[in-house]
Amino acid sequence: MSVKELVQEKVDLLVNQVKLSLKDLKTVAISEAWKILQLAVVEIIQQIEQSAPDLKGKDKKALAMELLSKFYDSVFMIIDIPFVPNLIEPIIHKYVKSLLMILVSSTIAAMVTAFRQMGIFEGPVSLIDPSVDNSPKVSDK
C-alpha cells in the first residue's frame, strides 16, 4: 500500500467524522470551515510524517495539499450557501476554496516549523551555527 493510500484511509475516516458532526447544519461559517481545515492539516501532516518520514518536504507538502483539497471537496462543497442561487453557488465555493487553500499552504509551513521546534518532527540538519549569528536582534537595538 502506498503512502498516499495509507494517509487517504485516515483522511476518509476524518471526512466521515466531520460529516457526521455537521450533518444537522445547513450552513457553515468560513471561520468554522477554517477551524476544521486547521485540524485536518494537523492530522494529515502527522499521518504523512509517520507514514513517509523519508519523503522530501516538498513532496510531503504536495501530498498534504492534494489530500486537503479532496477533504475540502468532500466536506464543504456539499454545504448549501443561503440566499445564493444554485447556478452561482459553485463559483462562490470555488473562490472560497481557493482562499482557504492559500491559507492552508501557509499553515502547513508554519505547523511543520512549530512541530520541528517542539521536537515532534526531526528537522533538516542546518549547516549554519546559530552561535555565530552576528545579525542585530531587536533586543540589541
N, C-alpha and C. Protein backbone atom coordinates (compact mmCIF):
# COMPACT_ATOMS: atom_id res chain seq x y z
N MET A 1 0.85 -1.18 0.00
CA MET A 1 0.00 0.00 0.00
C MET A 1 0.90 1.24 0.00
N SER A 2 0.59 2.21 -0.86
CA SER A 2 1.41 3.41 -0.96
C SER A 2 1.13 4.37 0.20
N VAL A 3 2.03 5.32 0.36
CA VAL A 3 1.88 6.34 1.41
C VAL A 3 0.56 7.08 1.20
N LYS A 4 0.30 7.45 -0.04
CA LYS A 4 -0.92 8.19 -0.34
C LYS A 4 -2.16 7.40 0.06
N GLU A 5 -2.16 6.11 -0.22
CA GLU A 5 -3.31 5.27 0.13
C GLU A 5 -3.45 5.13 1.65
N LEU A 6 -2.33 4.99 2.33
CA LEU A 6 -2.37 4.89 3.79
C LEU A 6 -2.95 6.15 4.43
N VAL A 7 -2.45 7.29 3.98
CA VAL A 7 -2.92 8.56 4.53
C VAL A 7 -4.36 8.82 4.10
N GLN A 8 -4.70 8.44 2.86
CA GLN A 8 -6.07 8.64 2.37
C GLN A 8 -7.09 7.90 3.24
N GLU A 9 -6.72 6.71 3.72
CA GLU A 9 -7.61 5.97 4.62
C GLU A 9 -7.91 6.78 5.88
N LYS A 10 -6.88 7.39 6.45
CA LYS A 10 -7.06 8.22 7.65
C LYS A 10 -7.90 9.46 7.33
N VAL A 11 -7.66 10.04 6.16
CA VAL A 11 -8.43 11.22 5.74
C VAL A 11 -9.90 10.85 5.56
N ASP A 12 -10.15 9.68 4.99
CA ASP A 12 -11.54 9.23 4.80
C ASP A 12 -12.26 9.09 6.14
N LEU A 13 -11.55 8.57 7.14
CA LEU A 13 -12.14 8.48 8.49
C LEU A 13 -12.43 9.88 9.03
N LEU A 14 -11.51 10.80 8.83
CA LEU A 14 -11.69 12.17 9.28
C LEU A 14 -12.88 12.82 8.57
N VAL A 15 -13.00 12.60 7.26
CA VAL A 15 -14.12 13.14 6.49
C VAL A 15 -15.44 12.62 7.06
N ASN A 16 -15.49 11.33 7.34
CA ASN A 16 -16.73 10.76 7.89
C ASN A 16 -17.07 11.35 9.25
N GLN A 17 -16.06 11.56 10.08
CA GLN A 17 -16.31 12.16 11.40
C GLN A 17 -16.83 13.58 11.27
N VAL A 18 -16.22 14.36 10.37
CA VAL A 18 -16.63 15.75 10.20
C VAL A 18 -18.04 15.81 9.60
N LYS A 19 -18.31 14.98 8.61
CA LYS A 19 -19.65 14.96 8.01
C LYS A 19 -20.71 14.60 9.05
N LEU A 20 -20.39 13.64 9.90
CA LEU A 20 -21.31 13.25 10.96
C LEU A 20 -21.57 14.41 11.91
N SER A 21 -20.53 15.15 12.25
CA SER A 21 -20.70 16.27 13.18
C SER A 21 -21.42 17.44 12.54
N LEU A 22 -21.36 17.55 11.20
CA LEU A 22 -22.00 18.67 10.50
C LEU A 22 -23.34 18.31 9.88
N LYS A 23 -23.80 17.07 10.05
CA LYS A 23 -24.97 16.61 9.30
C LYS A 23 -26.24 17.41 9.57
N ASP A 24 -26.40 17.95 10.75
CA ASP A 24 -27.61 18.70 11.08
C ASP A 24 -27.50 20.19 10.75
N LEU A 25 -26.33 20.62 10.32
CA LEU A 25 -26.15 22.03 10.00
C LEU A 25 -26.51 22.30 8.55
N LYS A 26 -27.14 23.42 8.33
CA LYS A 26 -27.48 23.84 6.97
C LYS A 26 -26.38 24.73 6.39
N THR A 27 -25.69 25.46 7.26
CA THR A 27 -24.63 26.35 6.81
C THR A 27 -23.43 26.21 7.74
N VAL A 28 -22.27 26.56 7.21
CA VAL A 28 -21.05 26.57 8.00
C VAL A 28 -20.34 27.89 7.69
N ALA A 29 -20.01 28.62 8.71
CA ALA A 29 -19.30 29.89 8.53
C ALA A 29 -17.88 29.60 8.06
N ILE A 30 -17.32 30.55 7.34
CA ILE A 30 -15.94 30.39 6.86
C ILE A 30 -15.00 30.18 8.04
N SER A 31 -15.26 30.86 9.15
CA SER A 31 -14.39 30.69 10.31
C SER A 31 -14.44 29.25 10.84
N GLU A 32 -15.62 28.64 10.80
CA GLU A 32 -15.75 27.25 11.23
C GLU A 32 -15.06 26.32 10.25
N ALA A 33 -15.22 26.60 8.95
CA ALA A 33 -14.54 25.80 7.93
C ALA A 33 -13.03 25.89 8.13
N TRP A 34 -12.55 27.08 8.43
CA TRP A 34 -11.12 27.28 8.65
C TRP A 34 -10.63 26.48 9.85
N LYS A 35 -11.40 26.47 10.94
CA LYS A 35 -11.01 25.70 12.12
C LYS A 35 -10.94 24.20 11.80
N ILE A 36 -11.93 23.73 11.07
CA ILE A 36 -11.96 22.31 10.69
C ILE A 36 -10.76 21.99 9.79
N LEU A 37 -10.48 22.87 8.85
CA LEU A 37 -9.33 22.66 7.97
C LEU A 37 -8.02 22.64 8.74
N GLN A 38 -7.88 23.49 9.74
CA GLN A 38 -6.66 23.51 10.55
C GLN A 38 -6.48 22.17 11.27
N LEU A 39 -7.56 21.64 11.80
CA LEU A 39 -7.48 20.33 12.45
C LEU A 39 -7.11 19.25 11.44
N ALA A 40 -7.67 19.35 10.25
CA ALA A 40 -7.34 18.39 9.19
C ALA A 40 -5.86 18.52 8.80
N VAL A 41 -5.35 19.74 8.74
CA VAL A 41 -3.93 19.95 8.41
C VAL A 41 -3.06 19.22 9.42
N VAL A 42 -3.33 19.41 10.70
CA VAL A 42 -2.54 18.76 11.74
C VAL A 42 -2.58 17.24 11.58
N GLU A 43 -3.77 16.71 11.41
CA GLU A 43 -3.93 15.26 11.28
C GLU A 43 -3.20 14.73 10.04
N ILE A 44 -3.35 15.41 8.93
CA ILE A 44 -2.76 14.93 7.68
C ILE A 44 -1.24 15.03 7.71
N ILE A 45 -0.69 16.14 8.20
CA ILE A 45 0.77 16.23 8.20
C ILE A 45 1.39 15.24 9.19
N GLN A 46 0.70 14.96 10.28
CA GLN A 46 1.21 13.96 11.21
C GLN A 46 1.18 12.57 10.58
N GLN A 47 0.10 12.26 9.87
CA GLN A 47 -0.01 10.96 9.20
C GLN A 47 1.05 10.80 8.12
N ILE A 48 1.28 11.85 7.35
CA ILE A 48 2.30 11.79 6.30
C ILE A 48 3.68 11.61 6.92
N GLU A 49 3.96 12.35 7.98
CA GLU A 49 5.27 12.25 8.64
C GLU A 49 5.48 10.86 9.21
N GLN A 50 4.46 10.26 9.78
CA GLN A 50 4.59 8.92 10.34
C GLN A 50 4.71 7.86 9.24
N SER A 51 3.96 8.04 8.15
CA SER A 51 3.93 7.04 7.09
C SER A 51 5.11 7.14 6.14
N ALA A 52 5.65 8.34 5.97
CA ALA A 52 6.73 8.53 4.99
C ALA A 52 7.75 9.55 5.48
N PRO A 53 8.47 9.23 6.55
CA PRO A 53 9.44 10.20 7.06
C PRO A 53 10.59 10.49 6.09
N ASP A 54 10.83 9.59 5.14
CA ASP A 54 11.93 9.77 4.20
C ASP A 54 11.53 10.58 2.97
N LEU A 55 10.27 10.87 2.81
CA LEU A 55 9.79 11.66 1.68
C LEU A 55 10.31 13.09 1.82
N LYS A 56 10.65 13.71 0.72
CA LYS A 56 11.15 15.09 0.75
C LYS A 56 10.05 16.03 1.19
N GLY A 57 10.45 17.14 1.80
CA GLY A 57 9.50 18.12 2.33
C GLY A 57 8.51 18.63 1.29
N LYS A 58 9.01 18.96 0.09
CA LYS A 58 8.11 19.49 -0.94
C LYS A 58 7.12 18.42 -1.40
N ASP A 59 7.54 17.15 -1.40
CA ASP A 59 6.64 16.07 -1.78
C ASP A 59 5.58 15.83 -0.71
N LYS A 60 6.00 15.96 0.56
CA LYS A 60 5.05 15.84 1.66
C LYS A 60 4.00 16.94 1.58
N LYS A 61 4.45 18.16 1.31
CA LYS A 61 3.52 19.28 1.23
C LYS A 61 2.57 19.11 0.05
N ALA A 62 3.09 18.67 -1.09
CA ALA A 62 2.24 18.46 -2.27
C ALA A 62 1.18 17.40 -1.97
N LEU A 63 1.57 16.33 -1.31
CA LEU A 63 0.62 15.27 -0.94
C LEU A 63 -0.42 15.81 0.05
N ALA A 64 0.05 16.57 1.03
CA ALA A 64 -0.87 17.15 2.01
C ALA A 64 -1.87 18.09 1.34
N MET A 65 -1.40 18.93 0.43
CA MET A 65 -2.30 19.87 -0.26
C MET A 65 -3.33 19.11 -1.10
N GLU A 66 -2.90 18.05 -1.76
CA GLU A 66 -3.83 17.24 -2.56
C GLU A 66 -4.91 16.62 -1.67
N LEU A 67 -4.48 16.04 -0.56
CA LEU A 67 -5.42 15.40 0.36
C LEU A 67 -6.35 16.42 1.02
N LEU A 68 -5.83 17.59 1.35
CA LEU A 68 -6.66 18.63 1.96
C LEU A 68 -7.66 19.19 0.96
N SER A 69 -7.28 19.27 -0.29
CA SER A 69 -8.20 19.72 -1.33
C SER A 69 -9.36 18.73 -1.47
N LYS A 70 -9.03 17.45 -1.47
CA LYS A 70 -10.07 16.41 -1.53
C LYS A 70 -10.94 16.45 -0.27
N PHE A 71 -10.30 16.65 0.88
CA PHE A 71 -11.04 16.76 2.14
C PHE A 71 -12.05 17.90 2.04
N TYR A 72 -11.58 19.06 1.58
CA TYR A 72 -12.47 20.22 1.44
C TYR A 72 -13.64 19.90 0.53
N ASP A 73 -13.34 19.30 -0.62
CA ASP A 73 -14.40 18.97 -1.57
C ASP A 73 -15.41 18.00 -0.97
N SER A 74 -14.93 17.04 -0.20
CA SER A 74 -15.81 16.03 0.40
C SER A 74 -16.69 16.61 1.49
N VAL A 75 -16.17 17.59 2.21
CA VAL A 75 -16.90 18.09 3.37
C VAL A 75 -17.68 19.37 3.07
N PHE A 76 -17.06 20.33 2.42
CA PHE A 76 -17.67 21.66 2.32
C PHE A 76 -18.38 21.95 1.00
N MET A 77 -18.06 21.26 -0.06
CA MET A 77 -18.72 21.55 -1.34
C MET A 77 -20.20 21.17 -1.32
N ILE A 78 -20.58 20.31 -0.40
CA ILE A 78 -21.97 19.87 -0.34
C ILE A 78 -22.84 20.81 0.49
N ILE A 79 -22.23 21.77 1.14
CA ILE A 79 -22.98 22.69 2.01
C ILE A 79 -23.62 23.77 1.16
N ASP A 80 -24.88 24.00 1.41
CA ASP A 80 -25.65 25.00 0.68
C ASP A 80 -25.33 26.39 1.21
N ILE A 81 -25.10 27.32 0.30
CA ILE A 81 -24.86 28.71 0.69
C ILE A 81 -26.22 29.42 0.63
N PRO A 82 -26.70 29.91 1.77
CA PRO A 82 -28.03 30.52 1.79
C PRO A 82 -28.09 31.79 0.93
N PHE A 83 -29.23 32.02 0.34
CA PHE A 83 -29.53 33.21 -0.45
C PHE A 83 -28.71 33.31 -1.74
N VAL A 84 -28.06 32.23 -2.13
CA VAL A 84 -27.29 32.23 -3.37
C VAL A 84 -27.93 31.23 -4.32
N PRO A 85 -28.26 31.67 -5.53
CA PRO A 85 -28.86 30.72 -6.48
C PRO A 85 -27.93 29.55 -6.77
N ASN A 86 -28.51 28.39 -6.95
CA ASN A 86 -27.72 27.17 -7.16
C ASN A 86 -26.80 27.28 -8.37
N LEU A 87 -27.16 28.09 -9.34
CA LEU A 87 -26.34 28.27 -10.54
C LEU A 87 -25.02 28.98 -10.22
N ILE A 88 -25.06 29.90 -9.27
CA ILE A 88 -23.88 30.70 -8.91
C ILE A 88 -23.07 30.06 -7.78
N GLU A 89 -23.70 29.21 -7.02
CA GLU A 89 -23.07 28.63 -5.83
C GLU A 89 -21.73 27.94 -6.11
N PRO A 90 -21.58 27.15 -7.17
CA PRO A 90 -20.26 26.52 -7.42
C PRO A 90 -19.14 27.54 -7.63
N ILE A 91 -19.46 28.68 -8.20
CA ILE A 91 -18.45 29.72 -8.42
C ILE A 91 -17.98 30.27 -7.09
N ILE A 92 -18.91 30.53 -6.19
CA ILE A 92 -18.55 31.04 -4.87
C ILE A 92 -17.75 30.00 -4.10
N HIS A 93 -18.20 28.73 -4.16
CA HIS A 93 -17.45 27.66 -3.49
C HIS A 93 -16.01 27.61 -4.00
N LYS A 94 -15.84 27.78 -5.30
CA LYS A 94 -14.50 27.73 -5.91
C LYS A 94 -13.60 28.82 -5.34
N TYR A 95 -14.12 30.04 -5.22
CA TYR A 95 -13.30 31.14 -4.72
C TYR A 95 -13.02 31.02 -3.22
N VAL A 96 -13.99 30.57 -2.47
CA VAL A 96 -13.77 30.36 -1.04
C VAL A 96 -12.70 29.28 -0.85
N LYS A 97 -12.82 28.19 -1.62
CA LYS A 97 -11.83 27.12 -1.53
C LYS A 97 -10.44 27.64 -1.89
N SER A 98 -10.34 28.43 -2.96
CA SER A 98 -9.03 28.98 -3.36
C SER A 98 -8.40 29.79 -2.24
N LEU A 99 -9.20 30.64 -1.61
CA LEU A 99 -8.71 31.44 -0.50
C LEU A 99 -8.24 30.56 0.65
N LEU A 100 -9.06 29.60 1.03
CA LEU A 100 -8.70 28.75 2.15
C LEU A 100 -7.49 27.87 1.84
N MET A 101 -7.32 27.44 0.60
CA MET A 101 -6.17 26.62 0.24
C MET A 101 -4.87 27.43 0.29
N ILE A 102 -4.94 28.72 -0.02
CA ILE A 102 -3.77 29.58 0.14
C ILE A 102 -3.38 29.65 1.62
N LEU A 103 -4.38 29.82 2.47
CA LEU A 103 -4.13 29.86 3.91
C LEU A 103 -3.61 28.52 4.42
N VAL A 104 -4.16 27.43 3.89
CA VAL A 104 -3.73 26.09 4.30
C VAL A 104 -2.27 25.86 3.95
N SER A 105 -1.85 26.31 2.78
CA SER A 105 -0.45 26.16 2.37
C SER A 105 0.49 26.84 3.36
N SER A 106 0.14 28.04 3.76
CA SER A 106 0.96 28.76 4.75
C SER A 106 0.90 28.08 6.12
N THR A 107 -0.27 27.57 6.45
CA THR A 107 -0.45 26.88 7.74
C THR A 107 0.42 25.64 7.82
N ILE A 108 0.51 24.90 6.72
CA ILE A 108 1.34 23.70 6.71
C ILE A 108 2.79 24.07 7.04
N ALA A 109 3.29 25.09 6.37
CA ALA A 109 4.67 25.51 6.62
C ALA A 109 4.86 25.92 8.08
N ALA A 110 3.92 26.68 8.61
CA ALA A 110 4.03 27.14 10.00
C ALA A 110 3.94 25.97 10.98
N MET A 111 3.03 25.04 10.74
CA MET A 111 2.87 23.92 11.66
C MET A 111 4.07 22.99 11.63
N VAL A 112 4.62 22.74 10.45
CA VAL A 112 5.79 21.89 10.36
C VAL A 112 6.96 22.53 11.10
N THR A 113 7.12 23.84 10.94
CA THR A 113 8.18 24.55 11.65
C THR A 113 7.97 24.44 13.16
N ALA A 114 6.75 24.65 13.61
CA ALA A 114 6.45 24.55 15.04
C ALA A 114 6.68 23.14 15.56
N PHE A 115 6.25 22.13 14.80
CA PHE A 115 6.45 20.74 15.22
C PHE A 115 7.94 20.41 15.31
N ARG A 116 8.73 20.96 14.40
CA ARG A 116 10.18 20.72 14.45
C ARG A 116 10.79 21.38 15.68
N GLN A 117 10.36 22.60 15.98
CA GLN A 117 10.91 23.31 17.14
C GLN A 117 10.53 22.62 18.44
N MET A 118 9.36 21.99 18.46
CA MET A 118 8.93 21.28 19.67
C MET A 118 9.51 19.88 19.76
N GLY A 119 10.19 19.45 18.69
CA GLY A 119 10.79 18.12 18.70
C GLY A 119 9.86 17.02 18.26
N ILE A 120 8.67 17.36 17.76
CA ILE A 120 7.74 16.35 17.30
C ILE A 120 8.23 15.75 15.98
N PHE A 121 8.72 16.61 15.09
CA PHE A 121 9.32 16.17 13.83
C PHE A 121 10.80 16.47 13.88
N GLU A 122 11.58 15.62 13.22
CA GLU A 122 13.00 15.92 13.08
C GLU A 122 13.14 16.92 11.96
N GLY A 123 13.91 17.96 12.21
CA GLY A 123 14.10 18.98 11.20
C GLY A 123 15.29 18.66 10.32
N PRO A 124 15.38 19.36 9.21
CA PRO A 124 16.57 19.18 8.38
C PRO A 124 17.79 19.70 9.13
N VAL A 125 18.90 19.08 8.88
CA VAL A 125 20.14 19.48 9.54
C VAL A 125 20.56 20.82 8.97
N SER A 126 20.79 21.77 9.86
CA SER A 126 21.21 23.10 9.43
C SER A 126 22.72 23.17 9.39
N LEU A 127 23.24 23.78 8.35
CA LEU A 127 24.68 23.96 8.22
C LEU A 127 25.14 25.25 8.87
N ILE A 128 24.21 26.04 9.37
CA ILE A 128 24.53 27.33 9.98
C ILE A 128 24.57 27.16 11.49
N ASP A 129 25.66 27.57 12.08
CA ASP A 129 25.80 27.51 13.53
C ASP A 129 25.16 28.76 14.11
N PRO A 130 24.07 28.63 14.89
CA PRO A 130 23.40 29.82 15.42
C PRO A 130 24.26 30.64 16.37
N SER A 131 25.32 30.07 16.91
CA SER A 131 26.17 30.81 17.84
C SER A 131 27.02 31.87 17.14
N VAL A 132 27.15 31.77 15.80
CA VAL A 132 27.93 32.76 15.08
C VAL A 132 27.04 33.74 14.33
N ASP A 133 25.80 33.83 14.70
CA ASP A 133 24.88 34.75 14.06
C ASP A 133 25.16 36.15 14.59
N ASN A 134 25.72 37.01 13.74
CA ASN A 134 26.09 38.36 14.14
C ASN A 134 25.06 39.40 13.74
N SER A 135 23.95 38.99 13.18
CA SER A 135 22.96 39.98 12.76
C SER A 135 22.32 40.60 14.00
N PRO A 136 22.05 41.92 13.96
CA PRO A 136 21.49 42.59 15.12
C PRO A 136 20.08 42.08 15.43
N LYS A 137 19.81 41.92 16.68
CA LYS A 137 18.48 41.49 17.13
C LYS A 137 17.70 42.71 17.60
N VAL A 138 16.40 42.56 17.67
CA VAL A 138 15.58 43.67 18.14
C VAL A 138 16.02 44.11 19.52
N SER A 139 16.38 43.16 20.36
CA SER A 139 16.81 43.50 21.72
C SER A 139 18.17 44.18 21.74
N ASP A 140 18.97 44.05 20.66
CA ASP A 140 20.29 44.68 20.59
C ASP A 140 20.21 46.15 20.17
N LYS A 141 19.09 46.57 19.66
CA LYS A 141 18.99 47.96 19.12
C LYS A 141 18.72 48.95 20.20
